[in-house]
Amino acid sequence: VEKADADLVKVLEGPTSIMFTNVAKAPAVLIKEFRKKSEKPVLKAAFAEGCVYVGDDQLDALCNIKSKEELIADIVALLQSPAKNVISALQANAGQKIAGIVKTLESRNN
C-alpha cells in the first residue's frame, strides 16, 4: 500500500477531485458517460481492487473491472454450461441414440 500511496501522491498534485464508491468501476463508468458531452474530467489515477491505475488511458480498463456479483454470475454460468450441454444432447437426436445404447446394454445384462 505504501508504494500505491507514493504513486498516487505524485499524480494527484494540482486540482483534483476524489470519488469513493463500493463498486470499483462506478467512477470510471460515470466519467466515461460524462465525457460524451465534455472532454473533462480527466482521470489522473485510481486505486481499485488493490491496484493503482495511473493515467487517463486506464479509463477503459477500469470500466471493465467486474464486481464480485458479476464474477460469481460468470462462475455459475460456467458451471451450468456442461450440465446444459448434457441435457440438450439427451433431448436431441443424440438422446435417442444414447437411449438405444442403454437399451442394448440392458438386454445384454439380462
N, C-alpha and C. Protein backbone atom coordinates (compact mmCIF):
# COMPACT_ATOMS: atom_id res chain seq x y z
N VAL A 1 0.83 -1.19 0.00
CA VAL A 1 0.00 0.00 0.00
C VAL A 1 0.88 1.25 0.00
N GLU A 2 2.06 1.20 0.63
CA GLU A 2 2.93 2.37 0.66
C GLU A 2 3.36 2.77 -0.75
N LYS A 3 3.66 1.79 -1.61
CA LYS A 3 4.02 2.07 -3.00
C LYS A 3 2.84 2.73 -3.71
N ALA A 4 1.65 2.21 -3.49
CA ALA A 4 0.44 2.78 -4.09
C ALA A 4 0.26 4.21 -3.61
N ASP A 5 0.46 4.46 -2.32
CA ASP A 5 0.34 5.81 -1.77
C ASP A 5 1.32 6.76 -2.44
N ALA A 6 2.56 6.32 -2.62
CA ALA A 6 3.58 7.17 -3.24
C ALA A 6 3.22 7.50 -4.68
N ASP A 7 2.78 6.50 -5.43
CA ASP A 7 2.39 6.72 -6.83
C ASP A 7 1.21 7.69 -6.93
N LEU A 8 0.24 7.52 -6.07
CA LEU A 8 -0.95 8.38 -6.10
C LEU A 8 -0.63 9.81 -5.69
N VAL A 9 0.23 9.99 -4.71
CA VAL A 9 0.57 11.34 -4.25
C VAL A 9 1.20 12.14 -5.38
N LYS A 10 2.09 11.55 -6.14
CA LYS A 10 2.73 12.24 -7.27
C LYS A 10 1.70 12.68 -8.31
N VAL A 11 0.76 11.79 -8.61
CA VAL A 11 -0.21 12.04 -9.66
C VAL A 11 -1.26 13.06 -9.24
N LEU A 12 -1.59 13.10 -7.97
CA LEU A 12 -2.70 13.93 -7.51
C LEU A 12 -2.33 15.37 -7.19
N GLU A 13 -1.14 15.81 -7.58
CA GLU A 13 -0.76 17.21 -7.37
C GLU A 13 -1.63 18.09 -8.26
N GLY A 14 -1.93 19.29 -7.78
CA GLY A 14 -2.75 20.22 -8.54
C GLY A 14 -4.23 19.98 -8.28
N PRO A 15 -5.10 20.66 -9.04
CA PRO A 15 -6.55 20.50 -8.83
C PRO A 15 -6.97 19.04 -9.04
N THR A 16 -7.64 18.51 -8.04
CA THR A 16 -8.00 17.09 -8.06
C THR A 16 -9.35 16.88 -7.39
N SER A 17 -10.15 16.00 -7.95
CA SER A 17 -11.39 15.56 -7.32
C SER A 17 -11.22 14.09 -6.98
N ILE A 18 -11.86 13.67 -5.91
CA ILE A 18 -11.77 12.27 -5.48
C ILE A 18 -13.17 11.70 -5.38
N MET A 19 -13.34 10.48 -5.88
CA MET A 19 -14.61 9.77 -5.77
C MET A 19 -14.39 8.50 -4.96
N PHE A 20 -15.33 8.23 -4.06
CA PHE A 20 -15.31 6.99 -3.29
C PHE A 20 -16.56 6.20 -3.64
N THR A 21 -16.40 4.88 -3.71
CA THR A 21 -17.55 4.04 -4.07
C THR A 21 -17.34 2.63 -3.56
N ASN A 22 -18.41 1.89 -3.46
CA ASN A 22 -18.33 0.47 -3.10
C ASN A 22 -18.16 -0.41 -4.33
N VAL A 23 -18.44 0.15 -5.52
CA VAL A 23 -18.31 -0.58 -6.77
C VAL A 23 -17.11 0.01 -7.52
N ALA A 24 -16.09 -0.81 -7.73
CA ALA A 24 -14.80 -0.32 -8.25
C ALA A 24 -14.91 0.42 -9.57
N LYS A 25 -15.77 -0.04 -10.47
CA LYS A 25 -15.81 0.58 -11.79
C LYS A 25 -16.77 1.76 -11.91
N ALA A 26 -17.56 2.03 -10.88
CA ALA A 26 -18.59 3.07 -10.96
C ALA A 26 -18.03 4.45 -11.33
N PRO A 27 -16.95 4.92 -10.70
CA PRO A 27 -16.44 6.24 -11.10
C PRO A 27 -15.97 6.29 -12.55
N ALA A 28 -15.33 5.22 -13.02
CA ALA A 28 -14.86 5.20 -14.40
C ALA A 28 -16.03 5.23 -15.38
N VAL A 29 -17.08 4.49 -15.08
CA VAL A 29 -18.26 4.48 -15.93
C VAL A 29 -18.91 5.86 -15.93
N LEU A 30 -18.96 6.49 -14.78
CA LEU A 30 -19.53 7.83 -14.66
C LEU A 30 -18.72 8.84 -15.47
N ILE A 31 -17.40 8.79 -15.37
CA ILE A 31 -16.53 9.69 -16.13
C ILE A 31 -16.73 9.47 -17.63
N LYS A 32 -16.77 8.20 -18.04
CA LYS A 32 -16.94 7.90 -19.46
C LYS A 32 -18.28 8.42 -19.98
N GLU A 33 -19.32 8.29 -19.19
CA GLU A 33 -20.64 8.79 -19.57
C GLU A 33 -20.61 10.32 -19.68
N PHE A 34 -19.96 10.98 -18.73
CA PHE A 34 -19.87 12.45 -18.72
C PHE A 34 -19.09 12.94 -19.93
N ARG A 35 -18.12 12.16 -20.38
CA ARG A 35 -17.27 12.55 -21.49
C ARG A 35 -18.01 12.58 -22.82
N LYS A 36 -19.18 12.06 -22.86
CA LYS A 36 -19.95 12.14 -24.11
C LYS A 36 -20.33 13.58 -24.41
N LYS A 37 -20.32 14.42 -23.36
CA LYS A 37 -20.70 15.83 -23.51
C LYS A 37 -19.53 16.79 -23.36
N SER A 38 -18.44 16.33 -22.75
CA SER A 38 -17.31 17.21 -22.45
C SER A 38 -16.01 16.43 -22.48
N GLU A 39 -14.90 17.15 -22.65
CA GLU A 39 -13.59 16.49 -22.66
C GLU A 39 -13.10 16.19 -21.25
N LYS A 40 -13.71 16.80 -20.27
CA LYS A 40 -13.28 16.62 -18.88
C LYS A 40 -14.38 15.95 -18.11
N PRO A 41 -14.11 15.31 -17.03
CA PRO A 41 -12.86 15.27 -16.27
C PRO A 41 -11.86 14.28 -16.88
N VAL A 42 -10.60 14.52 -16.55
CA VAL A 42 -9.52 13.64 -16.97
C VAL A 42 -9.17 12.75 -15.79
N LEU A 43 -9.01 11.48 -16.05
CA LEU A 43 -8.64 10.55 -14.99
C LEU A 43 -7.15 10.65 -14.73
N LYS A 44 -6.79 11.09 -13.53
CA LYS A 44 -5.38 11.14 -13.15
C LYS A 44 -4.92 9.78 -12.66
N ALA A 45 -5.70 9.20 -11.75
CA ALA A 45 -5.32 7.91 -11.19
C ALA A 45 -6.52 7.31 -10.46
N ALA A 46 -6.42 6.02 -10.22
CA ALA A 46 -7.46 5.32 -9.46
C ALA A 46 -6.81 4.22 -8.65
N PHE A 47 -7.40 3.97 -7.50
CA PHE A 47 -7.00 2.84 -6.67
C PHE A 47 -8.24 1.98 -6.52
N ALA A 48 -8.24 0.84 -7.22
CA ALA A 48 -9.42 -0.02 -7.23
C ALA A 48 -9.00 -1.48 -7.11
N GLU A 49 -9.69 -2.22 -6.25
CA GLU A 49 -9.43 -3.64 -6.06
C GLU A 49 -7.96 -3.92 -5.77
N GLY A 50 -7.33 -3.03 -5.01
CA GLY A 50 -5.95 -3.22 -4.59
C GLY A 50 -4.91 -2.86 -5.64
N CYS A 51 -5.33 -2.29 -6.76
CA CYS A 51 -4.40 -1.93 -7.84
C CYS A 51 -4.45 -0.43 -8.10
N VAL A 52 -3.32 0.11 -8.52
CA VAL A 52 -3.24 1.52 -8.88
C VAL A 52 -3.29 1.63 -10.40
N TYR A 53 -4.17 2.47 -10.89
CA TYR A 53 -4.29 2.75 -12.31
C TYR A 53 -3.91 4.21 -12.50
N VAL A 54 -2.84 4.46 -13.26
CA VAL A 54 -2.34 5.82 -13.45
C VAL A 54 -2.53 6.23 -14.91
N GLY A 55 -3.17 7.36 -15.11
CA GLY A 55 -3.33 7.91 -16.45
C GLY A 55 -4.72 7.74 -17.00
N ASP A 56 -5.09 8.69 -17.84
CA ASP A 56 -6.41 8.71 -18.45
C ASP A 56 -6.62 7.52 -19.39
N ASP A 57 -5.53 6.95 -19.90
CA ASP A 57 -5.65 5.81 -20.80
C ASP A 57 -6.13 4.55 -20.08
N GLN A 58 -6.22 4.59 -18.77
CA GLN A 58 -6.67 3.44 -17.97
C GLN A 58 -8.18 3.42 -17.76
N LEU A 59 -8.87 4.40 -18.30
CA LEU A 59 -10.31 4.52 -18.10
C LEU A 59 -11.07 3.28 -18.58
N ASP A 60 -10.73 2.77 -19.77
CA ASP A 60 -11.41 1.58 -20.29
C ASP A 60 -11.12 0.36 -19.42
N ALA A 61 -9.90 0.23 -18.96
CA ALA A 61 -9.55 -0.90 -18.08
C ALA A 61 -10.38 -0.86 -16.81
N LEU A 62 -10.56 0.32 -16.25
CA LEU A 62 -11.37 0.47 -15.04
C LEU A 62 -12.84 0.16 -15.31
N CYS A 63 -13.33 0.56 -16.47
CA CYS A 63 -14.73 0.28 -16.82
C CYS A 63 -14.99 -1.22 -16.95
N ASN A 64 -13.95 -1.98 -17.25
CA ASN A 64 -14.10 -3.42 -17.46
C ASN A 64 -13.91 -4.25 -16.20
N ILE A 65 -13.63 -3.62 -15.08
CA ILE A 65 -13.49 -4.38 -13.82
C ILE A 65 -14.85 -4.97 -13.47
N LYS A 66 -14.85 -6.24 -13.13
CA LYS A 66 -16.11 -6.90 -12.76
C LYS A 66 -16.28 -6.87 -11.25
N SER A 67 -17.53 -6.67 -10.85
CA SER A 67 -17.84 -6.69 -9.42
C SER A 67 -17.85 -8.13 -8.92
N LYS A 68 -17.87 -8.29 -7.62
CA LYS A 68 -17.91 -9.61 -7.01
C LYS A 68 -19.14 -10.38 -7.51
N GLU A 69 -20.27 -9.70 -7.59
CA GLU A 69 -21.50 -10.33 -8.05
C GLU A 69 -21.40 -10.78 -9.51
N GLU A 70 -20.76 -9.95 -10.35
CA GLU A 70 -20.60 -10.31 -11.76
C GLU A 70 -19.68 -11.52 -11.91
N LEU A 71 -18.61 -11.58 -11.10
CA LEU A 71 -17.70 -12.72 -11.15
C LEU A 71 -18.40 -14.00 -10.71
N ILE A 72 -19.21 -13.91 -9.65
CA ILE A 72 -19.96 -15.08 -9.18
C ILE A 72 -20.93 -15.55 -10.26
N ALA A 73 -21.60 -14.61 -10.92
CA ALA A 73 -22.53 -14.96 -12.00
C ALA A 73 -21.79 -15.66 -13.14
N ASP A 74 -20.59 -15.18 -13.48
CA ASP A 74 -19.79 -15.82 -14.54
C ASP A 74 -19.43 -17.25 -14.16
N ILE A 75 -19.04 -17.46 -12.91
CA ILE A 75 -18.66 -18.80 -12.44
C ILE A 75 -19.86 -19.73 -12.47
N VAL A 76 -21.01 -19.25 -12.01
CA VAL A 76 -22.22 -20.07 -12.02
C VAL A 76 -22.58 -20.45 -13.46
N ALA A 77 -22.48 -19.50 -14.38
CA ALA A 77 -22.78 -19.78 -15.79
C ALA A 77 -21.83 -20.83 -16.36
N LEU A 78 -20.55 -20.74 -15.99
CA LEU A 78 -19.58 -21.73 -16.47
C LEU A 78 -19.88 -23.12 -15.90
N LEU A 79 -20.29 -23.17 -14.65
CA LEU A 79 -20.60 -24.45 -14.03
C LEU A 79 -21.88 -25.06 -14.61
N GLN A 80 -22.82 -24.23 -14.99
CA GLN A 80 -24.08 -24.71 -15.56
C GLN A 80 -23.92 -25.18 -17.00
N SER A 81 -22.96 -24.64 -17.70
CA SER A 81 -22.80 -24.93 -19.12
C SER A 81 -22.66 -26.42 -19.44
N PRO A 82 -21.78 -27.18 -18.77
CA PRO A 82 -21.67 -28.61 -19.09
C PRO A 82 -22.98 -29.36 -18.84
N ALA A 83 -23.67 -29.03 -17.77
CA ALA A 83 -24.95 -29.70 -17.48
C ALA A 83 -25.97 -29.39 -18.57
N LYS A 84 -26.01 -28.15 -19.03
CA LYS A 84 -26.95 -27.78 -20.10
C LYS A 84 -26.63 -28.53 -21.39
N ASN A 85 -25.33 -28.72 -21.66
CA ASN A 85 -24.94 -29.45 -22.87
C ASN A 85 -25.40 -30.90 -22.81
N VAL A 86 -25.26 -31.54 -21.66
CA VAL A 86 -25.68 -32.92 -21.50
C VAL A 86 -27.20 -33.02 -21.66
N ILE A 87 -27.92 -32.12 -21.03
CA ILE A 87 -29.38 -32.14 -21.11
C ILE A 87 -29.84 -31.92 -22.54
N SER A 88 -29.26 -30.96 -23.22
CA SER A 88 -29.68 -30.71 -24.61
C SER A 88 -29.32 -31.89 -25.51
N ALA A 89 -28.20 -32.55 -25.24
CA ALA A 89 -27.83 -33.73 -26.03
C ALA A 89 -28.82 -34.86 -25.80
N LEU A 90 -29.26 -34.99 -24.56
CA LEU A 90 -30.23 -36.04 -24.25
C LEU A 90 -31.59 -35.74 -24.89
N GLN A 91 -31.93 -34.49 -25.02
CA GLN A 91 -33.21 -34.11 -25.60
C GLN A 91 -33.19 -34.14 -27.13
N ALA A 92 -32.02 -34.04 -27.71
CA ALA A 92 -31.90 -34.01 -29.17
C ALA A 92 -31.84 -35.45 -29.71
N ASN A 93 -31.52 -35.56 -30.97
CA ASN A 93 -31.40 -36.87 -31.62
C ASN A 93 -30.36 -37.74 -30.93
N ALA A 94 -29.33 -37.11 -30.41
CA ALA A 94 -28.30 -37.88 -29.71
C ALA A 94 -28.91 -38.60 -28.51
N GLY A 95 -29.93 -38.02 -27.92
CA GLY A 95 -30.61 -38.65 -26.80
C GLY A 95 -31.24 -39.97 -27.20
N GLN A 96 -31.78 -40.01 -28.40
CA GLN A 96 -32.37 -41.26 -28.90
C GLN A 96 -31.29 -42.32 -29.08
N LYS A 97 -30.14 -41.91 -29.57
CA LYS A 97 -29.02 -42.85 -29.74
C LYS A 97 -28.55 -43.36 -28.39
N ILE A 98 -28.43 -42.45 -27.42
CA ILE A 98 -28.00 -42.84 -26.07
C ILE A 98 -29.01 -43.81 -25.47
N ALA A 99 -30.30 -43.51 -25.65
CA ALA A 99 -31.35 -44.40 -25.13
C ALA A 99 -31.23 -45.77 -25.78
N GLY A 100 -30.94 -45.82 -27.07
CA GLY A 100 -30.75 -47.09 -27.78
C GLY A 100 -29.57 -47.87 -27.23
N ILE A 101 -28.47 -47.16 -26.97
CA ILE A 101 -27.28 -47.81 -26.40
C ILE A 101 -27.60 -48.38 -25.03
N VAL A 102 -28.29 -47.61 -24.19
CA VAL A 102 -28.66 -48.07 -22.85
C VAL A 102 -29.55 -49.30 -22.95
N LYS A 103 -30.50 -49.29 -23.86
CA LYS A 103 -31.41 -50.42 -24.04
C LYS A 103 -30.64 -51.67 -24.46
N THR A 104 -29.68 -51.49 -25.37
CA THR A 104 -28.86 -52.61 -25.83
C THR A 104 -28.05 -53.18 -24.68
N LEU A 105 -27.45 -52.31 -23.86
CA LEU A 105 -26.67 -52.77 -22.72
C LEU A 105 -27.54 -53.50 -21.70
N GLU A 106 -28.75 -53.01 -21.50
CA GLU A 106 -29.68 -53.66 -20.57
C GLU A 106 -30.04 -55.07 -21.07
N SER A 107 -30.27 -55.21 -22.37
CA SER A 107 -30.66 -56.51 -22.91
C SER A 107 -29.49 -57.50 -22.83
N ARG A 108 -28.26 -57.04 -22.91
CA ARG A 108 -27.09 -57.91 -22.78
C ARG A 108 -26.94 -58.43 -21.36
N ASN A 109 -27.29 -57.58 -20.37
CA ASN A 109 -27.17 -57.99 -18.98
C ASN A 109 -28.25 -59.00 -18.57
N ASN A 110 -29.36 -59.03 -19.28
CA ASN A 110 -30.45 -59.95 -18.94
C ASN A 110 -30.20 -61.26 -19.56
